[in-house]
Amino acid sequence: MHRRCSSKQSSAAAAAAKEAATAAAKEAATAKEAEVAAEEAAVAAEEAAVAAEGAATATQHLQQQQQQQQQQQQQQHGLLCWLSVPNCLLCLLRVPISLAEANRATTSRLGAKTMPA
């Protein structure tokens, strides 16, 4: 009977060892999954940083284009206005007026009838 107890104890110990090994394997798998998830999160954060940098660059480029367009419009307005109305005070103040307004001002000064815009 002593052998039988010893055999049962060994079987119980083997089963406990097997359960402990299974639990350890599950924990290792969980740890590996956590490590993989952390790596994926790092990659996603890197991609988000690159996307944010790209968006900032695009915004800056758009702002530069808008500034250039405004400068061109101001230059064109100044040239047209000085050609049609030599004494345009609005150009000196940098307040944009339309070409039609400039033409009306010129024709009014000359005493001619104004043309509808």
C-alpha atoms as a PDB file:
ATOM      1  CA  MET A   1       0.000   0.000   0.000  1.00  0.00           C
ATOM      2  CA  HIS A   2       2.923   2.283   0.598  1.00  0.00           C
ATOM      3  CA  ARG A   3       3.863   1.978  -3.075  1.00  0.00           C
ATOM      4  CA  ARG A   4       0.361   2.825  -4.126  1.00  0.00           C
ATOM      5  CA  CYS A   5       0.368   6.064  -2.069  1.00  0.00           C
ATOM      6  CA  SER A   6       3.713   6.982  -3.481  1.00  0.00           C
ATOM      7  CA  SER A   7       2.418   6.347  -6.999  1.00  0.00           C
ATOM      8  CA  LYS A   8      -0.655   8.477  -6.371  1.00  0.00           C
ATOM      9  CA  GLN A   9       1.465  11.258  -4.949  1.00  0.00           C
ATOM     10  CA  SER A  10       3.733  11.134  -7.995  1.00  0.00           C
ATOM     11  CA  SER A  11       0.756  11.258 -10.308  1.00  0.00           C
ATOM     12  CA  ALA A  12      -0.667  14.196  -8.365  1.00  0.00           C
ATOM     13  CA  ALA A  13       2.701  15.932  -8.449  1.00  0.00           C
ATOM     14  CA  ALA A  14       2.983  15.260 -12.194  1.00  0.00           C
ATOM     15  CA  ALA A  15      -0.503  16.643 -12.765  1.00  0.00           C
ATOM     16  CA  ALA A  16       0.293  19.726 -10.680  1.00  0.00           C
ATOM     17  CA  ALA A  17       3.539  20.208 -12.592  1.00  0.00           C
ATOM     18  CA  LYS A  18       1.659  19.844 -15.874  1.00  0.00           C
ATOM     19  CA  GLU A  19      -0.910  22.443 -14.746  1.00  0.00           C
ATOM     20  CA  ALA A  20       1.864  24.781 -13.646  1.00  0.00           C
ATOM     21  CA  ALA A  21       3.615  24.340 -16.987  1.00  0.00           C
ATOM     22  CA  THR A  22       0.359  25.007 -18.865  1.00  0.00           C
ATOM     23  CA  ALA A  23      -0.274  28.140 -16.794  1.00  0.00           C
ATOM     24  CA  ALA A  24       3.287  29.322 -17.378  1.00  0.00           C
ATOM     25  CA  ALA A  25       2.901  28.724 -21.122  1.00  0.00           C
ATOM     26  CA  LYS A  26      -0.354  30.696 -21.129  1.00  0.00           C
ATOM     27  CA  GLU A  27       1.333  33.536 -19.258  1.00  0.00           C
ATOM     28  CA  ALA A  28       4.230  33.468 -21.711  1.00  0.00           C
ATOM     29  CA  ALA A  29       1.786  33.577 -24.618  1.00  0.00           C
ATOM     30  CA  THR A  30      -0.041  36.466 -22.968  1.00  0.00           C
ATOM     31  CA  ALA A  31       3.255  38.268 -22.402  1.00  0.00           C
ATOM     32  CA  LYS A  32       4.227  37.691 -26.034  1.00  0.00           C
ATOM     33  CA  GLU A  33       0.837  39.021 -27.175  1.00  0.00           C
ATOM     34  CA  ALA A  34       1.333  42.080 -24.979  1.00  0.00           C
ATOM     35  CA  GLU A  35       4.783  42.606 -26.470  1.00  0.00           C
ATOM     36  CA  VAL A  36       3.393  42.306 -30.010  1.00  0.00           C
ATOM     37  CA  ALA A  37       0.571  44.721 -29.146  1.00  0.00           C
ATOM     38  CA  ALA A  38       3.092  47.203 -27.735  1.00  0.00           C
ATOM     39  CA  GLU A  39       5.174  46.963 -30.915  1.00  0.00           C
ATOM     40  CA  GLU A  40       2.054  47.495 -33.050  1.00  0.00           C
ATOM     41  CA  ALA A  41       1.109  50.521 -30.941  1.00  0.00           C
ATOM     42  CA  ALA A  42       4.599  51.952 -31.404  1.00  0.00           C
ATOM     43  CA  VAL A  43       4.351  51.488 -35.167  1.00  0.00           C
ATOM     44  CA  ALA A  44       0.900  53.111 -35.201  1.00  0.00           C
ATOM     45  CA  ALA A  45       2.233  56.053 -33.171  1.00  0.00           C
ATOM     46  CA  GLU A  46       5.114  56.447 -35.611  1.00  0.00           C
ATOM     47  CA  GLU A  47       2.710  56.395 -38.565  1.00  0.00           C
ATOM     48  CA  ALA A  48       0.510  58.980 -36.854  1.00  0.00           C
ATOM     49  CA  ALA A  49       3.529  61.231 -36.304  1.00  0.00           C
ATOM     50  CA  VAL A  50       4.478  60.946 -39.976  1.00  0.00           C
ATOM     51  CA  ALA A  51       0.886  61.720 -41.002  1.00  0.00           C
ATOM     52  CA  ALA A  52       0.780  64.739 -38.694  1.00  0.00           C
ATOM     53  CA  GLU A  53       4.055  66.001 -40.128  1.00  0.00           C
ATOM     54  CA  GLY A  54       2.682  65.553 -43.647  1.00  0.00           C
ATOM     55  CA  ALA A  55      -0.478  67.450 -42.732  1.00  0.00           C
ATOM     56  CA  ALA A  56       1.569  70.281 -41.241  1.00  0.00           C
ATOM     57  CA  THR A  57       3.689  70.478 -44.377  1.00  0.00           C
ATOM     58  CA  ALA A  58       0.582  70.499 -46.582  1.00  0.00           C
ATOM     59  CA  THR A  59      -0.998  73.241 -44.470  1.00  0.00           C
ATOM     60  CA  GLN A  60       2.160  75.332 -44.663  1.00  0.00           C
ATOM     61  CA  HIS A  61       2.316  74.850 -48.445  1.00  0.00           C
ATOM     62  CA  LEU A  62      -1.332  75.879 -48.791  1.00  0.00           C
ATOM     63  CA  GLN A  63      -0.727  79.006 -46.703  1.00  0.00           C
ATOM     64  CA  GLN A  64       2.247  79.928 -48.876  1.00  0.00           C
ATOM     65  CA  GLN A  65       0.152  79.500 -52.017  1.00  0.00           C
ATOM     66  CA  GLN A  66      -2.597  81.686 -50.566  1.00  0.00           C
ATOM     67  CA  GLN A  67      -0.076  84.389 -49.660  1.00  0.00           C
ATOM     68  CA  GLN A  68       1.369  84.290 -53.169  1.00  0.00           C
ATOM     69  CA  GLN A  69      -2.108  84.573 -54.689  1.00  0.00           C
ATOM     70  CA  GLN A  70      -2.920  87.536 -52.464  1.00  0.00           C
ATOM     71  CA  GLN A  71       0.322  89.244 -53.438  1.00  0.00           C
ATOM     72  CA  GLN A  72      -0.377  88.645 -57.130  1.00  0.00           C
ATOM     73  CA  GLN A  73      -3.907  89.993 -56.787  1.00  0.00           C
ATOM     74  CA  GLN A  74      -2.644  93.084 -55.008  1.00  0.00           C
ATOM     75  CA  GLN A  75      -0.009  93.666 -57.674  1.00  0.00           C
ATOM     76  CA  GLN A  76      -2.510  93.175 -60.493  1.00  0.00           C
ATOM     77  CA  HIS A  77      -5.018  95.472 -58.819  1.00  0.00           C
ATOM     78  CA  GLY A  78      -2.392  98.147 -58.336  1.00  0.00           C
ATOM     79  CA  LEU A  79      -1.326  98.005 -61.989  1.00  0.00           C
ATOM     80  CA  LEU A  80      -4.879  98.027 -63.384  1.00  0.00           C
ATOM     81  CA  CYS A  81      -6.004 100.741 -61.024  1.00  0.00           C
ATOM     82  CA  TRP A  82      -3.052 103.018 -61.811  1.00  0.00           C
ATOM     83  CA  LEU A  83      -3.591 102.490 -65.523  1.00  0.00           C
ATOM     84  CA  SER A  84      -7.281 103.382 -65.328  1.00  0.00           C
ATOM     85  CA  VAL A  85      -7.346 105.862 -62.442  1.00  0.00           C
ATOM     86  CA  PRO A  86      -4.007 107.636 -62.007  1.00  0.00           C
ATOM     87  CA  ASN A  87      -5.014 109.310 -58.735  1.00  0.00           C
ATOM     88  CA  CYS A  88      -6.576 106.302 -56.988  1.00  0.00           C
ATOM     89  CA  LEU A  89      -6.306 106.961 -53.281  1.00  0.00           C
ATOM     90  CA  LEU A  90      -7.665 103.498 -52.525  1.00  0.00           C
ATOM     91  CA  CYS A  91      -4.586 101.911 -54.076  1.00  0.00           C
ATOM     92  CA  LEU A  92      -2.380 103.943 -51.830  1.00  0.00           C
ATOM     93  CA  LEU A  93      -4.325 102.644 -48.851  1.00  0.00           C
ATOM     94  CA  ARG A  94      -4.217  99.071 -50.228  1.00  0.00           C
ATOM     95  CA  VAL A  95      -8.000  98.767 -50.168  1.00  0.00           C
ATOM     96  CA  PRO A  96      -8.960  96.667 -53.186  1.00  0.00           C
ATOM     97  CA  ILE A  97     -11.546  98.056 -55.582  1.00  0.00           C
ATOM     98  CA  SER A  98     -12.896  96.392 -58.665  1.00  0.00           C
ATOM     99  CA  LEU A  99     -11.958  97.416 -62.183  1.00  0.00           C
ATOM    100  CA  ALA A 100     -15.583  98.395 -62.795  1.00  0.00           C
ATOM    101  CA  GLU A 101     -15.439 100.819 -59.853  1.00  0.00           C
ATOM    102  CA  ALA A 102     -12.190 102.233 -61.193  1.00  0.00           C
ATOM    103  CA  ASN A 103     -13.752 102.682 -64.641  1.00  0.00           C
ATOM    104  CA  ARG A 104     -16.784 104.445 -63.169  1.00  0.00           C
ATOM    105  CA  ALA A 105     -14.528 106.785 -61.236  1.00  0.00           C
ATOM    106  CA  THR A 106     -12.552 107.594 -64.380  1.00  0.00           C
ATOM    107  CA  THR A 107     -15.620 108.216 -66.535  1.00  0.00           C
ATOM    108  CA  SER A 108     -17.221 110.318 -63.776  1.00  0.00           C
ATOM    109  CA  ARG A 109     -14.167 112.541 -63.594  1.00  0.00           C
ATOM    110  CA  LEU A 110     -14.173 112.943 -67.332  1.00  0.00           C
ATOM    111  CA  GLY A 111     -17.858 113.906 -67.288  1.00  0.00           C
ATOM    112  CA  ALA A 112     -18.913 110.928 -69.407  1.00  0.00           C
ATOM    113  CA  LYS A 113     -21.890 108.719 -68.712  1.00  0.00           C
ATOM    114  CA  THR A 114     -21.098 105.696 -66.596  1.00  0.00           C
ATOM    115  CA  MET A 115     -21.526 102.303 -68.160  1.00  0.00           C
ATOM    116  CA  PRO A 116     -23.423  99.641 -66.147  1.00  0.00           C
ATOM    117  CA  ALA A 117     -21.089  97.117 -64.575  1.00  0.00           C
END
